[in-house]
Amino acid sequence: MTLFDLGGRTAVITGATKGIGRAIAQRMAEHGANIVVSSRKADACEAVAGDINENWAKGDNRAIPVPCNISHKDQLQALVDQAVAAFGGIDILVCNAAVNPYFGPLKDIPDSAFDKIMETNIRSNHWLCRMALPHMAARGGGAIIIVSSIGGLRAGGVLGAYGISKAADMQVARALAVEYGPDNIRVNCIAPGLVRTDFARALWEDEERLKKRTAGTPLHRIGEPDEIAGAAVMLAAPAGSFITGATIVIDGGVTIAS
C-alpha cells in the first residue's frame, strides 16, 4: 500500500456530477476506489459513472450511479443502502453537495432561503454522516470529508447565510471526529476559496469581482476543481491517517493576504 492508495475502498460522493465533486470522484477512482456517483439527476449520474469507468477506474474498481436529493432523508438512506448493497460497505464519504439560493445581504434574505441553506448544507450532511458511520465502524474505520468553504471563515457581504452554514459544517466535522475517533473514523473539512465551477459562476464571471479577487490572492488566480481533489484523496488515504477534526484551507492564499 502506498500513501495515496485507495484500492479496495468504497467512496460515496454527493454532488459528484460537476465541479469539485466530479473531480474528487475521478481522482479517487484513479487511486483505486469504488465510486458511488450521486447528485439529483439520474442521467448526469449515469454519464459521470460511465466516464469514470471508461477513463479513470484502475484495476477492479468501478463507479455506479445513485441519484439522490440530499434534502430528502429517505433518499439519503437509499443512497447508503445501495452503496452497501453494491460494494459491501462504505469506507469514504464526501459530503460535497450544497445549495445557495440567495446572493445578497443577510438583512434581505427571505426566511425560506435561509431555512433551505441551513437544512441542506448542515442538516443533510448530519443525516448522511449518521447513516454512513455505522458501516464505517463495522469495517474498522473510515474517512468523512465535508466540503466547506472559506466563506465559513470570513465575511463577504453577499454570502452571509451560506457562510454560516459552512462554518457550521466545520463544527460538525470536529464534533464527529471526537465522537468517532475511537472507531478509527476520521472526519475533516476542506475549505476551498473561489474555484472555477458552475456553482460559483456568479463570483468568477463578474469581471470586476474576479479582478479584485485575483489581485488580493497571493497566487493571483482562482482555483480549479482538480486542485481540491488532491486534498480529498490525501484525507481519505493512508497519507491522511493522523488528520482528523481539521479544516484544510485551499484558496491560493486569499485568507492570509492583507
Protein backbone atom coordinates (compact mmCIF):
# COMPACT_ATOMS: atom_id res chain seq x y z
CA MET A 1 0.00 0.00 0.00
CA THR A 2 1.26 3.46 -0.91
CA LEU A 3 0.41 6.70 0.86
CA PHE A 4 -2.33 7.52 -1.64
CA ASP A 5 -3.66 4.02 -2.31
CA LEU A 6 -7.47 3.75 -2.13
CA GLY A 7 -7.63 0.25 -3.58
CA GLY A 8 -10.49 -1.86 -2.21
CA ARG A 9 -12.26 1.09 -0.64
CA THR A 10 -15.67 2.47 -1.48
CA ALA A 11 -16.39 6.20 -1.64
CA VAL A 12 -19.85 7.76 -1.63
CA ILE A 13 -19.70 11.28 -3.08
CA THR A 14 -22.61 13.72 -3.20
CA GLY A 15 -22.73 16.47 -5.78
CA ALA A 16 -20.44 14.26 -7.84
CA THR A 17 -21.53 15.19 -11.36
CA LYS A 18 -20.00 18.66 -11.59
CA GLY A 19 -17.09 20.76 -10.45
CA ILE A 20 -15.29 19.80 -7.27
CA GLY A 21 -17.39 16.70 -6.63
CA ARG A 22 -16.75 15.28 -10.08
CA ALA A 23 -13.01 15.95 -9.81
CA ILE A 24 -12.90 14.18 -6.44
CA ALA A 25 -14.78 11.20 -7.87
CA GLN A 26 -12.41 10.94 -10.82
CA ARG A 27 -9.25 11.18 -8.74
CA MET A 28 -10.42 8.77 -6.07
CA ALA A 29 -11.25 6.28 -8.83
CA GLU A 30 -7.81 6.85 -10.32
CA HIS A 31 -6.33 5.88 -6.95
CA GLY A 32 -8.34 2.66 -6.80
CA ALA A 33 -11.60 3.43 -5.00
CA ASN A 34 -15.04 2.22 -5.97
CA ILE A 35 -17.17 5.31 -6.51
CA VAL A 36 -20.85 5.89 -5.81
CA VAL A 37 -21.68 8.88 -8.00
CA SER A 38 -24.59 10.84 -6.60
CA SER A 39 -26.46 14.02 -7.47
CA ARG A 40 -30.09 14.91 -8.10
CA LYS A 41 -30.29 13.97 -11.79
CA ALA A 42 -30.13 10.30 -12.78
CA ASP A 43 -28.87 10.95 -16.30
CA ALA A 44 -25.99 13.08 -15.03
CA CYS A 45 -25.02 10.39 -12.51
CA GLU A 46 -25.07 7.75 -15.23
CA ALA A 47 -22.93 9.86 -17.56
CA VAL A 48 -20.27 10.57 -14.94
CA ALA A 49 -20.19 6.97 -13.70
CA GLY A 50 -19.72 5.83 -17.31
CA ASP A 51 -16.92 8.32 -17.85
CA ILE A 52 -15.15 7.17 -14.69
CA ASN A 53 -15.44 3.51 -15.65
CA GLU A 54 -14.07 4.22 -19.10
CA ASN A 55 -11.32 6.72 -18.33
CA TRP A 56 -10.44 6.82 -14.64
CA ALA A 57 -11.02 3.47 -12.97
CA LYS A 58 -7.99 1.27 -12.41
CA GLY A 59 -7.89 -2.41 -11.58
CA ASP A 60 -11.13 -3.95 -10.39
CA ASN A 61 -12.71 -0.78 -9.06
CA ARG A 62 -15.79 0.72 -10.67
CA ALA A 63 -18.34 3.51 -10.39
CA ILE A 64 -22.10 3.23 -10.06
CA PRO A 65 -24.76 5.96 -10.32
CA VAL A 66 -27.19 6.54 -7.44
CA PRO A 67 -29.29 9.70 -7.85
CA CYS A 68 -30.25 11.42 -4.61
CA ASN A 69 -31.63 14.75 -3.46
CA ILE A 70 -29.83 15.31 -0.17
CA SER A 71 -32.74 17.35 1.19
CA HIS A 72 -34.79 14.15 1.47
CA LYS A 73 -33.87 11.83 4.32
CA ASP A 74 -35.36 8.77 2.66
CA GLN A 75 -33.26 9.34 -0.45
CA LEU A 76 -30.11 9.66 1.66
CA GLN A 77 -30.89 6.34 3.33
CA ALA A 78 -31.45 4.77 -0.08
CA LEU A 79 -28.06 6.13 -1.20
CA VAL A 80 -26.32 4.47 1.74
CA ASP A 81 -28.28 1.23 1.33
CA GLN A 82 -27.47 0.96 -2.39
CA ALA A 83 -23.78 1.67 -1.78
CA VAL A 84 -23.63 -1.10 0.83
CA ALA A 85 -25.56 -3.49 -1.39
CA ALA A 86 -23.24 -2.87 -4.34
CA PHE A 87 -19.89 -2.88 -2.55
CA GLY A 88 -20.43 -4.45 0.87
CA GLY A 89 -19.83 -1.29 2.87
CA ILE A 90 -18.66 2.32 2.90
CA ASP A 91 -15.13 3.47 3.67
CA ILE A 92 -15.17 7.07 2.45
CA LEU A 93 -17.93 9.67 2.46
CA VAL A 94 -17.58 13.02 0.71
CA CYS A 95 -20.35 15.48 1.59
CA ASN A 96 -19.96 17.89 -1.30
CA ALA A 97 -23.49 18.77 -2.39
CA ALA A 98 -24.73 22.16 -1.18
CA VAL A 99 -27.11 24.94 -2.13
CA ASN A 100 -27.09 28.72 -2.14
CA PRO A 101 -30.40 30.05 -3.44
CA TYR A 102 -29.71 33.61 -2.28
CA PHE A 103 -26.96 36.05 -3.25
CA GLY A 104 -27.12 39.26 -1.22
CA PRO A 105 -27.01 40.76 2.29
CA LEU A 106 -28.39 38.93 5.30
CA LYS A 107 -30.78 41.78 6.05
CA ASP A 108 -32.79 40.95 2.92
CA ILE A 109 -32.72 37.16 2.88
CA PRO A 110 -36.16 35.51 2.84
CA ASP A 111 -36.85 33.03 5.64
CA SER A 112 -37.46 30.31 3.06
CA ALA A 113 -33.99 30.77 1.54
CA PHE A 114 -32.31 30.89 4.96
CA ASP A 115 -34.06 27.70 6.03
CA LYS A 116 -33.20 25.90 2.79
CA ILE A 117 -29.50 26.75 3.15
CA MET A 118 -29.32 25.56 6.75
CA GLU A 119 -31.36 22.41 6.17
CA THR A 120 -29.47 21.34 3.06
CA ASN A 121 -25.93 22.37 3.93
CA ILE A 122 -25.94 21.35 7.59
CA ARG A 123 -28.79 19.01 8.49
CA SER A 124 -28.50 16.86 5.37
CA ASN A 125 -24.76 16.39 5.97
CA HIS A 126 -25.52 15.40 9.55
CA TRP A 127 -28.13 12.91 8.37
CA LEU A 128 -25.83 11.33 5.80
CA CYS A 129 -22.88 11.09 8.16
CA ARG A 130 -25.05 9.46 10.81
CA MET A 131 -26.27 6.89 8.28
CA ALA A 132 -22.80 6.06 6.96
CA LEU A 133 -20.88 5.99 10.25
CA PRO A 134 -22.09 2.56 11.48
CA HIS A 135 -21.00 0.97 8.21
CA MET A 136 -17.54 2.53 8.54
CA ALA A 137 -17.22 1.39 12.13
CA ALA A 138 -18.17 -2.15 11.09
CA ARG A 139 -15.27 -2.14 8.62
CA GLY A 140 -12.75 -0.97 11.20
CA GLY A 141 -12.65 2.69 10.26
CA GLY A 142 -13.15 5.21 7.52
CA ALA A 143 -12.90 8.81 6.42
CA ILE A 144 -15.51 11.53 6.07
CA ILE A 145 -14.74 14.70 4.14
CA ILE A 146 -17.12 17.65 4.24
CA VAL A 147 -16.56 20.24 1.54
CA SER A 148 -16.97 23.53 3.36
CA SER A 149 -15.77 26.95 2.15
CA ILE A 150 -13.61 29.88 3.22
CA GLY A 151 -16.99 31.59 3.41
CA GLY A 152 -17.20 29.90 6.80
CA LEU A 153 -14.03 31.71 7.89
CA ARG A 154 -14.59 35.22 6.56
CA ALA A 155 -17.46 37.53 5.64
CA GLY A 156 -18.01 38.99 2.20
CA GLY A 157 -21.36 40.75 2.34
CA VAL A 158 -23.33 38.68 -0.18
CA LEU A 159 -22.94 35.09 1.05
CA GLY A 160 -23.78 35.51 4.72
CA ALA A 161 -26.19 32.61 5.20
CA TYR A 162 -24.08 30.31 3.06
CA GLY A 163 -21.05 31.25 5.17
CA ILE A 164 -22.94 30.47 8.37
CA SER A 165 -23.79 27.02 7.04
CA LYS A 166 -20.19 26.37 6.02
CA ALA A 167 -18.87 27.44 9.42
CA ALA A 168 -21.31 25.00 10.99
CA ASP A 169 -20.01 22.21 8.75
CA MET A 170 -16.55 22.72 10.24
CA GLN A 171 -18.00 22.19 13.70
CA VAL A 172 -19.91 19.11 12.53
CA ALA A 173 -16.56 17.67 11.46
CA ARG A 174 -14.91 18.49 14.77
CA ALA A 175 -17.77 17.03 16.81
CA LEU A 176 -17.92 13.79 14.83
CA ALA A 177 -14.11 13.48 14.86
CA VAL A 178 -14.18 13.43 18.66
CA GLU A 179 -17.12 11.04 18.89
CA TYR A 180 -15.89 8.53 16.31
CA GLY A 181 -12.13 8.71 16.69
CA PRO A 182 -12.16 5.57 18.90
CA ASP A 183 -13.74 3.75 15.95
CA ASN A 184 -10.81 4.77 13.72
CA ILE A 185 -13.05 7.13 11.74
CA ARG A 186 -11.54 10.44 10.71
CA VAL A 187 -13.71 13.46 9.88
CA ASN A 188 -12.31 16.55 8.20
CA CYS A 189 -13.33 19.59 6.19
CA ILE A 190 -11.90 21.14 3.06
CA ALA A 191 -12.49 24.88 2.73
CA PRO A 192 -11.95 25.96 -0.88
CA GLY A 193 -11.64 29.54 -1.95
CA LEU A 194 -13.02 30.69 -5.27
CA VAL A 195 -12.91 27.76 -7.70
CA ARG A 196 -13.98 27.75 -11.35
CA THR A 197 -17.23 25.79 -11.01
CA ASP A 198 -20.80 26.32 -12.15
CA PHE A 199 -21.80 26.73 -8.50
CA ALA A 200 -19.52 29.76 -8.11
CA ARG A 201 -20.17 31.19 -11.56
CA ALA A 202 -21.75 34.38 -10.16
CA LEU A 203 -18.43 35.20 -8.50
CA TRP A 204 -15.91 34.45 -11.23
CA GLU A 205 -17.92 35.50 -14.30
CA ASP A 206 -18.18 39.05 -12.94
CA GLU A 207 -15.01 40.57 -14.39
CA GLU A 208 -14.68 43.32 -11.81
CA ARG A 209 -15.25 40.95 -8.90
CA LEU A 210 -12.80 38.44 -10.40
CA LYS A 211 -10.16 41.12 -10.94
CA LYS A 212 -10.48 42.27 -7.34
CA ARG A 213 -10.30 38.72 -6.01
CA THR A 214 -7.23 37.69 -8.02
CA ALA A 215 -5.45 40.92 -7.14
CA GLY A 216 -5.85 40.10 -3.47
CA THR A 217 -4.82 36.47 -3.84
CA PRO A 218 -1.09 35.70 -3.48
CA LEU A 219 -1.22 33.24 -6.39
CA HIS A 220 -3.07 35.86 -8.49
CA ARG A 221 -5.65 33.41 -9.84
CA ILE A 222 -8.66 31.36 -8.79
CA GLY A 223 -8.63 27.61 -8.28
CA GLU A 224 -9.60 24.69 -10.48
CA PRO A 225 -11.67 21.70 -9.28
CA ASP A 226 -8.77 19.26 -9.63
CA GLU A 227 -6.75 21.33 -7.16
CA ILE A 228 -9.29 20.48 -4.48
CA ALA A 229 -9.47 16.81 -5.42
CA GLY A 230 -5.86 16.16 -4.41
CA ALA A 231 -6.53 17.15 -0.82
CA ALA A 232 -9.61 14.93 -0.72
CA VAL A 233 -7.59 11.93 -1.90
CA MET A 234 -4.95 12.64 0.74
CA LEU A 235 -7.52 12.90 3.54
CA ALA A 236 -9.13 9.60 2.50
CA ALA A 237 -5.85 7.73 2.02
CA PRO A 238 -3.14 6.45 4.40
CA ALA A 239 -1.35 9.78 3.84
CA GLY A 240 -4.02 11.44 5.99
CA SER A 241 -4.31 8.75 8.63
CA PHE A 242 -3.40 11.06 11.54
CA ILE A 243 -5.52 14.02 10.44
CA THR A 244 -8.95 14.43 11.99
CA GLY A 245 -11.15 17.32 13.03
CA ALA A 246 -9.20 19.63 10.75
CA THR A 247 -10.24 22.19 8.17
CA ILE A 248 -7.79 22.41 5.28
CA VAL A 249 -7.98 25.77 3.51
CA ILE A 250 -7.29 25.65 -0.24
CA ASP A 251 -7.63 29.19 -1.51
CA GLY A 252 -4.43 30.35 -3.19
CA GLY A 253 -3.59 32.28 -0.03
CA VAL A 254 -6.51 34.71 -0.06
CA THR A 255 -7.33 34.27 3.63
CA ILE A 256 -3.76 35.15 4.68
CA ALA A 257 -3.43 38.19 2.43
CA SER A 258 -3.95 41.69 3.74
